[in-house]
Amino acid sequence: MLYEGSCHCGNIEFEVEGEFTSALDCNCSLCRRRGGLLAFVPRDKFTLKTPRENLSTYTFNTHSIQHRFCGTCGVAPFAEAQMPDGAEMACINVRCIPAVDLASLEIQPWDGQSR
């Protein structure tokens, strides 16, 4: 299914293809503070609909994940990185997709360690 998502003010808009039935509740220092619920998709299933110039970027720790956020409203709708096998992926904050029923998601806690 194709979904539309955005930051709060609409400065960052995207489309993502996927079936969102579960989300990861990461407890790293960044995710705990921003409250995102994360779902991962191959990068080719994600399309940014607004100019890349609208993105602000934050990295920390190993600097391998580019956490994208809006410099206007502060919302972080997605991140970009590579999987350990080198595949490009997008990490979507499903809270930024209005059509996703958050109450229906299976929330999986994650402690930042490999499974």
Protein backbone atom coordinates (compact mmCIF):
# COMPACT_ATOMS: atom_id res chain seq x y z
CA MET A 1 0.00 0.00 0.00
CA LEU A 2 1.21 3.51 -0.79
CA TYR A 3 1.10 5.99 2.09
CA GLU A 4 1.69 9.72 2.32
CA GLY A 5 3.50 11.23 5.27
CA SER A 6 5.01 14.49 6.43
CA CYS A 7 6.45 16.50 9.23
CA HIS A 8 3.97 18.65 11.19
CA CYS A 9 4.22 21.79 9.05
CA GLY A 10 4.43 20.01 5.68
CA ASN A 11 7.92 21.29 4.85
CA ILE A 12 8.93 17.61 4.45
CA GLU A 13 6.52 15.34 2.58
CA PHE A 14 7.06 11.78 1.40
CA GLU A 15 5.43 8.66 0.01
CA VAL A 16 6.28 5.20 1.23
CA GLU A 17 5.15 1.79 0.05
CA GLY A 18 4.68 -0.91 2.67
CA GLU A 19 2.38 -2.80 4.96
CA PHE A 20 2.69 -1.24 8.40
CA THR A 21 1.40 -3.73 10.97
CA SER A 22 4.20 -3.38 13.49
CA ALA A 23 6.65 -0.74 14.63
CA LEU A 24 9.83 -0.66 16.62
CA ASP A 25 9.91 1.35 19.84
CA CYS A 26 13.65 2.00 20.10
CA ASN A 27 15.07 3.12 23.44
CA CYS A 28 18.27 4.77 22.20
CA SER A 29 18.88 8.23 23.61
CA LEU A 30 17.45 9.97 20.53
CA CYS A 31 14.35 7.81 20.00
CA ARG A 32 13.41 7.95 23.68
CA ARG A 33 13.34 11.73 23.54
CA ARG A 34 11.51 12.16 20.25
CA GLY A 35 8.97 9.35 20.74
CA GLY A 36 9.10 7.88 17.26
CA LEU A 37 7.68 4.51 16.26
CA LEU A 38 9.90 3.09 13.54
CA ALA A 39 9.33 0.89 10.50
CA PHE A 40 12.02 -0.02 7.99
CA VAL A 41 11.61 -0.20 4.21
CA PRO A 42 14.01 -0.62 1.29
CA ARG A 43 15.12 2.83 0.14
CA ASP A 44 13.49 2.34 -3.27
CA LYS A 45 10.07 2.11 -1.54
CA PHE A 46 10.50 5.66 -0.19
CA THR A 47 10.06 8.84 -2.24
CA LEU A 48 10.77 12.30 -0.90
CA LYS A 49 8.17 14.66 -2.39
CA THR A 50 9.76 17.93 -1.30
CA PRO A 51 13.26 19.26 -2.06
CA ARG A 52 16.18 17.68 -0.18
CA GLU A 53 17.13 21.23 0.79
CA ASN A 54 14.14 21.16 3.18
CA LEU A 55 15.84 18.45 5.26
CA SER A 56 17.97 19.02 8.31
CA THR A 57 20.17 16.11 9.37
CA TYR A 58 21.40 14.83 12.70
CA THR A 59 23.88 12.00 13.25
CA PHE A 60 25.35 10.62 16.45
CA ASN A 61 27.27 7.66 17.83
CA THR A 62 28.66 5.88 14.73
CA HIS A 63 27.21 8.55 12.38
CA SER A 64 25.92 5.79 10.10
CA ILE A 65 22.26 6.85 10.21
CA GLN A 66 21.18 10.22 8.82
CA HIS A 67 18.23 11.24 10.99
CA ARG A 68 16.19 13.68 8.89
CA PHE A 69 14.08 16.36 10.54
CA CYS A 70 12.36 19.61 9.72
CA GLY A 71 14.22 22.75 10.74
CA THR A 72 10.89 24.60 10.93
CA CYS A 73 8.66 22.39 13.11
CA GLY A 74 11.33 20.02 14.48
CA VAL A 75 9.54 16.77 13.57
CA ALA A 76 11.72 13.84 12.45
CA PRO A 77 9.71 11.83 9.90
CA PHE A 78 12.43 9.47 8.65
CA ALA A 79 16.07 8.44 8.59
CA GLU A 80 18.33 6.97 5.92
CA ALA A 81 21.10 4.40 6.28
CA GLN A 82 22.54 1.15 5.02
CA MET A 83 21.75 -2.29 6.38
CA PRO A 84 24.73 -4.43 7.43
CA ASP A 85 24.57 -6.13 4.00
CA GLY A 86 24.94 -2.72 2.28
CA ALA A 87 21.30 -2.40 1.18
CA GLU A 88 19.96 1.17 1.31
CA MET A 89 17.02 1.57 3.67
CA ALA A 90 14.67 4.20 5.02
CA CYS A 91 13.51 4.20 8.61
CA ILE A 92 10.03 5.72 8.76
CA ASN A 93 8.49 7.30 11.84
CA VAL A 94 5.00 5.83 11.38
CA ARG A 95 3.60 8.55 13.65
CA CYS A 96 4.18 10.83 10.63
CA ILE A 97 1.80 8.81 8.40
CA PRO A 98 -1.76 9.95 9.23
CA ALA A 99 -3.41 6.93 7.54
CA VAL A 100 -1.64 4.41 9.80
CA ASP A 101 -3.84 3.38 12.73
CA LEU A 102 -1.31 3.48 15.57
CA ALA A 103 -3.65 1.55 17.90
CA SER A 104 -3.59 -1.43 15.53
CA LEU A 105 0.21 -1.69 15.40
CA GLU A 106 2.13 -4.41 17.18
CA ILE A 107 4.74 -2.39 19.08
CA GLN A 108 8.06 -4.19 19.45
CA PRO A 109 10.43 -2.80 22.08
CA TRP A 110 14.11 -2.71 21.11
CA ASP A 111 17.00 -2.02 23.42
CA GLY A 112 19.57 -1.06 20.79
CA GLN A 113 21.23 -4.47 20.75
CA SER A 114 21.37 -6.88 17.81
CA ARG A 115 18.87 -9.69 17.96
